PDB file of N, CA and C in Angstrom:
ATOM      1  N   MET A   1      -6.619  23.240 -13.652  1.00  0.00           N
ATOM      2  CA  MET A   1      -5.982  24.793 -13.322  1.00  0.00           C
ATOM      3  C   MET A   1      -5.465  25.345 -14.370  1.00  0.00           C
ATOM      4  N   ASN A   2      -6.245  26.624 -15.064  1.00  0.00           N
ATOM      5  CA  ASN A   2      -6.085  27.410 -15.877  1.00  0.00           C
ATOM      6  C   ASN A   2      -4.705  28.521 -15.115  1.00  0.00           C
ATOM      7  N   THR A   3      -4.123  28.994 -16.054  1.00  0.00           N
ATOM      8  CA  THR A   3      -2.963  29.795 -15.697  1.00  0.00           C
ATOM      9  C   THR A   3      -3.174  31.085 -16.797  1.00  0.00           C
ATOM     10  N   PHE A   4      -2.844  32.285 -15.996  1.00  0.00           N
ATOM     11  CA  PHE A   4      -3.084  33.672 -16.553  1.00  0.00           C
ATOM     12  C   PHE A   4      -2.275  34.774 -15.884  1.00  0.00           C
ATOM     13  N   LEU A   5      -1.568  35.471 -16.985  1.00  0.00           N
ATOM     14  CA  LEU A   5      -1.042  36.494 -16.448  1.00  0.00           C
ATOM     15  C   LEU A   5      -1.466  37.549 -16.471  1.00  0.00           C
ATOM     16  N   ILE A   6      -1.272  38.521 -15.142  1.00  0.00           N
ATOM     17  CA  ILE A   6      -2.009  39.641 -14.543  1.00  0.00           C
ATOM     18  C   ILE A   6      -1.267  40.620 -14.602  1.00  0.00           C
ATOM     19  N   ASP A   7      -1.455  42.208 -14.419  1.00  0.00           N
ATOM     20  CA  ASP A   7      -1.229  43.399 -14.571  1.00  0.00           C
ATOM     21  C   ASP A   7      -0.881  43.550 -13.355  1.00  0.00           C
ATOM     22  N   SER A   8      -2.026  43.382 -12.541  1.00  0.00           N
ATOM     23  CA  SER A   8      -1.664  43.883 -10.853  1.00  0.00           C
ATOM     24  C   SER A   8      -2.220  42.812 -10.080  1.00  0.00           C
ATOM     25  N   VAL A   9      -1.665  43.145  -8.573  1.00  0.00           N
ATOM     26  CA  VAL A   9      -1.715  42.037  -7.585  1.00  0.00           C
ATOM     27  C   VAL A   9      -3.652  42.021  -7.647  1.00  0.00           C
ATOM     28  N   PRO A  10      -4.659  41.124  -7.387  1.00  0.00           N
ATOM     29  CA  PRO A  10      -6.047  41.186  -7.101  1.00  0.00           C
ATOM     30  C   PRO A  10      -6.140  42.155  -5.554  1.00  0.00           C
ATOM     31  N   LYS A  11      -7.218  42.244  -6.099  1.00  0.00           N
ATOM     32  CA  LYS A  11      -7.740  43.455  -4.934  1.00  0.00           C
ATOM     33  C   LYS A  11      -9.044  42.618  -4.156  1.00  0.00           C
ATOM     34  N   LEU A  12      -8.098  41.680  -3.421  1.00  0.00           N
ATOM     35  CA  LEU A  12      -8.900  40.718  -2.331  1.00  0.00           C
ATOM     36  C   LEU A  12      -8.051  40.577  -1.055  1.00  0.00           C
ATOM     37  N   GLU A  13      -8.503  39.875  -0.379  1.00  0.00           N
ATOM     38  CA  GLU A  13      -7.896  39.726   1.376  1.00  0.00           C
ATOM     39  C   GLU A  13      -7.207  38.171   0.784  1.00  0.00           C
ATOM     40  N   LEU A  14      -5.930  38.169   0.356  1.00  0.00           N
ATOM     41  CA  LEU A  14      -5.251  37.284   0.183  1.00  0.00           C
ATOM     42  C   LEU A  14      -4.661  36.480   1.353  1.00  0.00           C
ATOM     43  N   HIS A  15      -4.611  35.309   1.356  1.00  0.00           N
ATOM     44  CA  HIS A  15      -3.917  34.503   2.435  1.00  0.00           C
ATOM     45  C   HIS A  15      -2.549  34.168   2.336  1.00  0.00           C
ATOM     46  N   SER A  16      -1.328  34.442   2.469  1.00  0.00           N
ATOM     47  CA  SER A  16       0.329  33.901   2.152  1.00  0.00           C
ATOM     48  C   SER A  16       0.170  32.180   2.526  1.00  0.00           C
ATOM     49  N   ILE A  17       0.829  31.744   1.718  1.00  0.00           N
ATOM     50  CA  ILE A  17       1.479  30.346   2.464  1.00  0.00           C
ATOM     51  C   ILE A  17       2.723  30.345   1.601  1.00  0.00           C
ATOM     52  N   CYS A  18       3.329  29.646   3.215  1.00  0.00           N
ATOM     53  CA  CYS A  18       4.854  29.176   2.643  1.00  0.00           C
ATOM     54  C   CYS A  18       5.422  28.075   3.194  1.00  0.00           C
ATOM     55  N   ILE A  19       6.246  27.207   2.710  1.00  0.00           N
ATOM     56  CA  ILE A  19       6.396  25.731   3.305  1.00  0.00           C
ATOM     57  C   ILE A  19       7.234  25.955   4.469  1.00  0.00           C
ATOM     58  N   HIS A  20       7.375  27.194   4.457  1.00  0.00           N
ATOM     59  CA  HIS A  20       8.539  27.444   6.084  1.00  0.00           C
ATOM     60  C   HIS A  20       7.777  27.727   7.273  1.00  0.00           C
ATOM     61  N   GLN A  21       6.238  27.911   6.934  1.00  0.00           N
ATOM     62  CA  GLN A  21       5.373  27.706   8.298  1.00  0.00           C
ATOM     63  C   GLN A  21       5.125  26.489   8.502  1.00  0.00           C
ATOM     64  N   GLU A  22       5.020  26.243   9.658  1.00  0.00           N
ATOM     65  CA  GLU A  22       4.431  25.049  10.630  1.00  0.00           C
ATOM     66  C   GLU A  22       3.152  24.648  10.141  1.00  0.00           C
ATOM     67  N   GLY A  23       2.614  23.564   9.691  1.00  0.00           N
ATOM     68  CA  GLY A  23       0.968  23.446   9.193  1.00  0.00           C
ATOM     69  C   GLY A  23       0.705  23.787   7.959  1.00  0.00           C
ATOM     70  N   TRP A  24       1.806  24.612   7.136  1.00  0.00           N
ATOM     71  CA  TRP A  24       1.783  24.826   6.045  1.00  0.00           C
ATOM     72  C   TRP A  24       0.706  23.736   5.459  1.00  0.00           C
ATOM     73  N   ARG A  25       0.935  22.501   4.916  1.00  0.00           N
ATOM     74  CA  ARG A  25       0.190  21.843   4.045  1.00  0.00           C
ATOM     75  C   ARG A  25      -1.409  21.890   4.291  1.00  0.00           C
ATOM     76  N   GLU A  26      -1.565  21.601   5.518  1.00  0.00           N
ATOM     77  CA  GLU A  26      -2.954  21.529   6.350  1.00  0.00           C
ATOM     78  C   GLU A  26      -3.818  23.054   5.712  1.00  0.00           C
ATOM     79  N   ARG A  27      -3.230  23.884   6.419  1.00  0.00           N
ATOM     80  CA  ARG A  27      -3.334  25.417   6.111  1.00  0.00           C
ATOM     81  C   ARG A  27      -3.884  25.610   4.197  1.00  0.00           C
ATOM     82  N   PHE A  28      -2.741  25.412   3.439  1.00  0.00           N
ATOM     83  CA  PHE A  28      -3.313  25.049   2.245  1.00  0.00           C
ATOM     84  C   PHE A  28      -4.367  24.550   2.070  1.00  0.00           C
ATOM     85  N   PHE A  29      -4.604  23.263   1.929  1.00  0.00           N
ATOM     86  CA  PHE A  29      -5.527  22.491   1.816  1.00  0.00           C
ATOM     87  C   PHE A  29      -6.935  22.887   2.444  1.00  0.00           C
ATOM     88  N   GLN A  30      -6.954  23.730   3.636  1.00  0.00           N
ATOM     89  CA  GLN A  30      -8.249  24.645   4.166  1.00  0.00           C
ATOM     90  C   GLN A  30      -8.316  25.327   3.327  1.00  0.00           C
ATOM     91  N   LEU A  31      -7.537  26.335   2.904  1.00  0.00           N
ATOM     92  CA  LEU A  31      -7.529  27.234   2.414  1.00  0.00           C
ATOM     93  C   LEU A  31      -8.073  26.902   0.870  1.00  0.00           C
ATOM     94  N   ILE A  32      -8.031  26.328   0.524  1.00  0.00           N
ATOM     95  CA  ILE A  32      -8.610  25.437  -1.044  1.00  0.00           C
ATOM     96  C   ILE A  32      -9.971  25.123  -0.749  1.00  0.00           C
ATOM     97  N   ARG A  33     -10.084  24.456   0.107  1.00  0.00           N
ATOM     98  CA  ARG A  33     -11.593  24.185   0.253  1.00  0.00           C
ATOM     99  C   ARG A  33     -12.338  25.202   0.957  1.00  0.00           C
ATOM    100  N   ASP A  34     -11.921  26.038   1.674  1.00  0.00           N
ATOM    101  CA  ASP A  34     -12.827  27.436   1.881  1.00  0.00           C
ATOM    102  C   ASP A  34     -12.566  28.184   0.829  1.00  0.00           C
ATOM    103  N   LYS A  35     -12.578  27.904  -0.467  1.00  0.00           N
ATOM    104  CA  LYS A  35     -12.239  28.961  -1.671  1.00  0.00           C
ATOM    105  C   LYS A  35     -12.055  30.348  -1.194  1.00  0.00           C
ATOM    106  N   LYS A  36     -10.499  30.407  -0.394  1.00  0.00           N
ATOM    107  CA  LYS A  36     -10.095  31.512   0.170  1.00  0.00           C
ATOM    108  C   LYS A  36      -9.070  31.946  -0.900  1.00  0.00           C
ATOM    109  N   PRO A  37      -8.958  33.517  -1.549  1.00  0.00           N
ATOM    110  CA  PRO A  37      -7.665  33.426  -2.243  1.00  0.00           C
ATOM    111  C   PRO A  37      -6.170  33.409  -1.651  1.00  0.00           C
ATOM    112  N   ILE A  38      -5.497  32.994  -2.223  1.00  0.00           N
ATOM    113  CA  ILE A  38      -4.317  32.227  -1.772  1.00  0.00           C
ATOM    114  C   ILE A  38      -2.943  33.295  -2.429  1.00  0.00           C
ATOM    115  N   SER A  39      -1.585  33.456  -1.680  1.00  0.00           N
ATOM    116  CA  SER A  39      -0.989  33.623  -2.649  1.00  0.00           C
ATOM    117  C   SER A  39       0.194  33.294  -2.175  1.00  0.00           C
ATOM    118  N   TYR A  40       1.044  33.243  -2.896  1.00  0.00           N
ATOM    119  CA  TYR A  40       2.168  32.743  -2.461  1.00  0.00           C
ATOM    120  C   TYR A  40       3.701  33.260  -3.577  1.00  0.00           C
ATOM    121  N   ASP A  41       5.103  32.928  -3.054  1.00  0.00           N
ATOM    122  CA  ASP A  41       6.205  33.001  -3.693  1.00  0.00           C
ATOM    123  C   ASP A  41       6.827  32.020  -4.322  1.00  0.00           C
ATOM    124  N   VAL A  42       7.140  31.938  -5.477  1.00  0.00           N
ATOM    125  CA  VAL A  42       7.774  30.577  -5.775  1.00  0.00           C
ATOM    126  C   VAL A  42       8.991  30.662  -4.941  1.00  0.00           C
ATOM    127  N   ASP A  43      10.007  31.327  -4.736  1.00  0.00           N
ATOM    128  CA  ASP A  43      10.899  31.218  -3.667  1.00  0.00           C
ATOM    129  C   ASP A  43      10.220  30.817  -2.163  1.00  0.00           C
ATOM    130  N   ASP A  44       9.368  31.039  -1.819  1.00  0.00           N
ATOM    131  CA  ASP A  44       8.703  29.969  -0.512  1.00  0.00           C
ATOM    132  C   ASP A  44       7.985  28.729  -0.721  1.00  0.00           C
ATOM    133  N   MET A  45       7.914  28.669  -2.093  1.00  0.00           N
ATOM    134  CA  MET A  45       6.975  27.331  -2.368  1.00  0.00           C
ATOM    135  C   MET A  45       7.355  26.981  -4.082  1.00  0.00           C
ATOM    136  N   PRO A  46       8.345  26.314  -3.870  1.00  0.00           N
ATOM    137  CA  PRO A  46       9.168  26.264  -5.459  1.00  0.00           C
ATOM    138  C   PRO A  46       7.927  25.349  -6.708  1.00  0.00           C
ATOM    139  N   ASN A  47       7.379  24.386  -5.795  1.00  0.00           N
ATOM    140  CA  ASN A  47       6.724  23.573  -7.112  1.00  0.00           C
ATOM    141  C   ASN A  47       5.378  22.886  -5.775  1.00  0.00           C
ATOM    142  N   LEU A  48       4.564  22.832  -6.496  1.00  0.00           N
ATOM    143  CA  LEU A  48       2.975  22.511  -5.967  1.00  0.00           C
ATOM    144  C   LEU A  48       3.098  21.169  -6.274  1.00  0.00           C
ATOM    145  N   ALA A  49       2.798  20.511  -5.397  1.00  0.00           N
ATOM    146  CA  ALA A  49       2.675  18.594  -5.287  1.00  0.00           C
ATOM    147  C   ALA A  49       1.286  18.518  -5.910  1.00  0.00           C
ATOM    148  N   ARG A  50       1.649  17.183  -6.811  1.00  0.00           N
ATOM    149  CA  ARG A  50       0.551  16.582  -7.642  1.00  0.00           C
ATOM    150  C   ARG A  50      -0.968  16.859  -6.571  1.00  0.00           C
ATOM    151  N   ASP A  51      -0.982  16.479  -5.651  1.00  0.00           N
ATOM    152  CA  ASP A  51      -1.848  16.354  -5.053  1.00  0.00           C
ATOM    153  C   ASP A  51      -2.644  17.828  -4.360  1.00  0.00           C
ATOM    154  N   ILE A  52      -1.952  18.925  -4.333  1.00  0.00           N
ATOM    155  CA  ILE A  52      -2.297  19.920  -4.072  1.00  0.00           C
ATOM    156  C   ILE A  52      -2.839  20.605  -5.395  1.00  0.00           C
ATOM    157  N   LYS A  53      -2.167  20.337  -6.488  1.00  0.00           N
ATOM    158  CA  LYS A  53      -2.721  20.807  -7.689  1.00  0.00           C
ATOM    159  C   LYS A  53      -3.969  19.926  -8.034  1.00  0.00           C
ATOM    160  N   ASP A  54      -4.009  18.957  -7.922  1.00  0.00           N
ATOM    161  CA  ASP A  54      -5.396  18.102  -7.968  1.00  0.00           C
ATOM    162  C   ASP A  54      -6.691  19.028  -6.940  1.00  0.00           C
ATOM    163  N   GLU A  55      -6.325  18.974  -5.819  1.00  0.00           N
ATOM    164  CA  GLU A  55      -7.121  19.878  -4.957  1.00  0.00           C
ATOM    165  C   GLU A  55      -7.747  21.209  -5.706  1.00  0.00           C
ATOM    166  N   LEU A  56      -6.573  22.204  -6.114  1.00  0.00           N
ATOM    167  CA  LEU A  56      -6.833  22.867  -6.801  1.00  0.00           C
ATOM    168  C   LEU A  56      -7.777  23.367  -8.116  1.00  0.00           C
ATOM    169  N   GLY A  57      -7.497  22.056  -8.933  1.00  0.00           N
ATOM    170  CA  GLY A  57      -8.378  21.866 -10.069  1.00  0.00           C
ATOM    171  C   GLY A  57      -9.474  21.412  -9.595  1.00  0.00           C
ATOM    172  N   LYS A  58      -9.700  20.484  -8.757  1.00  0.00           N
ATOM    173  CA  LYS A  58     -11.516  19.950  -8.111  1.00  0.00           C
ATOM    174  C   LYS A  58     -12.126  21.359  -7.757  1.00  0.00           C
ATOM    175  N   TYR A  59     -11.393  22.316  -7.160  1.00  0.00           N
ATOM    176  CA  TYR A  59     -12.218  23.423  -6.696  1.00  0.00           C
ATOM    177  C   TYR A  59     -12.330  24.826  -7.404  1.00  0.00           C
ATOM    178  N   GLY A  60     -11.874  24.542  -8.741  1.00  0.00           N
ATOM    179  CA  GLY A  60     -12.076  25.172  -9.869  1.00  0.00           C
ATOM    180  C   GLY A  60     -10.914  26.365  -9.840  1.00  0.00           C
ATOM    181  N   CYS A  61     -10.002  26.481  -9.194  1.00  0.00           N
ATOM    182  CA  CYS A  61      -8.788  27.544  -8.793  1.00  0.00           C
ATOM    183  C   CYS A  61      -8.253  28.055 -10.146  1.00  0.00           C
ATOM    184  N   ARG A  62      -7.782  29.116 -10.302  1.00  0.00           N
ATOM    185  CA  ARG A  62      -7.131  29.568 -11.467  1.00  0.00           C
ATOM    186  C   ARG A  62      -5.843  30.141 -10.957  1.00  0.00           C
ATOM    187  N   ASP A  63      -4.975  29.878 -11.487  1.00  0.00           N
ATOM    188  CA  ASP A  63      -3.231  30.352 -11.220  1.00  0.00           C
ATOM    189  C   ASP A  63      -3.126  31.818 -11.892  1.00  0.00           C
ATOM    190  N   LEU A  64      -3.299  32.735 -11.118  1.00  0.00           N
ATOM    191  CA  LEU A  64      -2.666  34.250 -11.605  1.00  0.00           C
ATOM    192  C   LEU A  64      -1.268  34.350 -11.270  1.00  0.00           C
ATOM    193  N   ILE A  65      -0.427  34.711 -12.157  1.00  0.00           N
ATOM    194  CA  ILE A  65       0.475  35.296 -12.340  1.00  0.00           C
ATOM    195  C   ILE A  65       0.915  36.653 -12.457  1.00  0.00           C
ATOM    196  N   LEU A  66       1.564  37.555 -11.731  1.00  0.00           N
ATOM    197  CA  LEU A  66       1.860  38.595 -12.072  1.00  0.00           C
ATOM    198  C   LEU A  66       2.876  38.977 -12.930  1.00  0.00           C
ATOM    199  N   GLU A  67       2.467  39.834 -14.004  1.00  0.00           N
ATOM    200  CA  GLU A  67       3.322  39.867 -15.535  1.00  0.00           C
ATOM    201  C   GLU A  67       4.462  40.540 -15.220  1.00  0.00           C
ATOM    202  N   SER A  68       5.016  41.680 -13.909  1.00  0.00           N
ATOM    203  CA  SER A  68       5.924  42.333 -13.678  1.00  0.00           C
ATOM    204  C   SER A  68       6.796  41.435 -12.536  1.00  0.00           C
ATOM    205  N   ASN A  69       6.335  40.618 -12.033  1.00  0.00           N
ATOM    206  CA  ASN A  69       7.011  39.485 -11.483  1.00  0.00           C
ATOM    207  C   ASN A  69       6.462  38.180 -10.943  1.00  0.00           C
ATOM    208  N   GLN A  70       7.398  37.150 -12.156  1.00  0.00           N
ATOM    209  CA  GLN A  70       6.323  35.945 -12.241  1.00  0.00           C
ATOM    210  C   GLN A  70       6.696  34.947 -11.405  1.00  0.00           C
ATOM    211  N   ASP A  71       7.322  35.504 -10.365  1.00  0.00           N
ATOM    212  CA  ASP A  71       7.649  34.893  -9.206  1.00  0.00           C
ATOM    213  C   ASP A  71       6.214  34.556  -8.202  1.00  0.00           C
ATOM    214  N   ARG A  72       5.452  35.572  -8.419  1.00  0.00           N
ATOM    215  CA  ARG A  72       4.559  35.745  -7.433  1.00  0.00           C
ATOM    216  C   ARG A  72       3.193  35.591  -8.024  1.00  0.00           C
ATOM    217  N   HIS A  73       2.190  34.314  -7.274  1.00  0.00           N
ATOM    218  CA  HIS A  73       1.281  33.605  -7.972  1.00  0.00           C
ATOM    219  C   HIS A  73       0.521  33.748  -6.762  1.00  0.00           C
ATOM    220  N   PHE A  74      -0.973  33.755  -7.488  1.00  0.00           N
ATOM    221  CA  PHE A  74      -2.449  34.420  -6.597  1.00  0.00           C
ATOM    222  C   PHE A  74      -3.238  32.945  -7.277  1.00  0.00           C
ATOM    223  N   LEU A  75      -3.787  32.405  -6.191  1.00  0.00           N
ATOM    224  CA  LEU A  75      -4.583  31.073  -6.837  1.00  0.00           C
ATOM    225  C   LEU A  75      -5.946  31.678  -6.226  1.00  0.00           C
ATOM    226  N   ILE A  76      -7.125  31.719  -7.263  1.00  0.00           N
ATOM    227  CA  ILE A  76      -8.080  32.171  -7.338  1.00  0.00           C
ATOM    228  C   ILE A  76      -9.101  31.208  -7.468  1.00  0.00           C
ATOM    229  N   SER A  77     -10.529  30.813  -6.492  1.00  0.00           N
ATOM    230  CA  SER A  77     -11.528  29.671  -6.697  1.00  0.00           C
ATOM    231  C   SER A  77     -12.317  30.833  -7.843  1.00  0.00           C
ATOM    232  N   ASP A  78     -13.033  29.868  -8.515  1.00  0.00           N
ATOM    233  CA  ASP A  78     -14.217  30.622  -9.606  1.00  0.00           C
ATOM    234  C   ASP A  78     -15.308  30.752  -8.962  1.00  0.00           C
TER     235      ASP A  78
END
């Protein structure tokens, strides 16, 4: 998975994910498989587990980080 700094939030329908949501892990994997744009904040998801990173790489996702707030991440499929 490649990482890029961006100037503004992508103009896409983003799906927020947070470890405090029930069933977040299954939802995360489903969003990846459906190639849906995902947003998350490091406060809500401090680490991405190895299996999640592997899945993101498998589906060609890019990690876009908001330059003005580097806690905001956007995972976008190619």
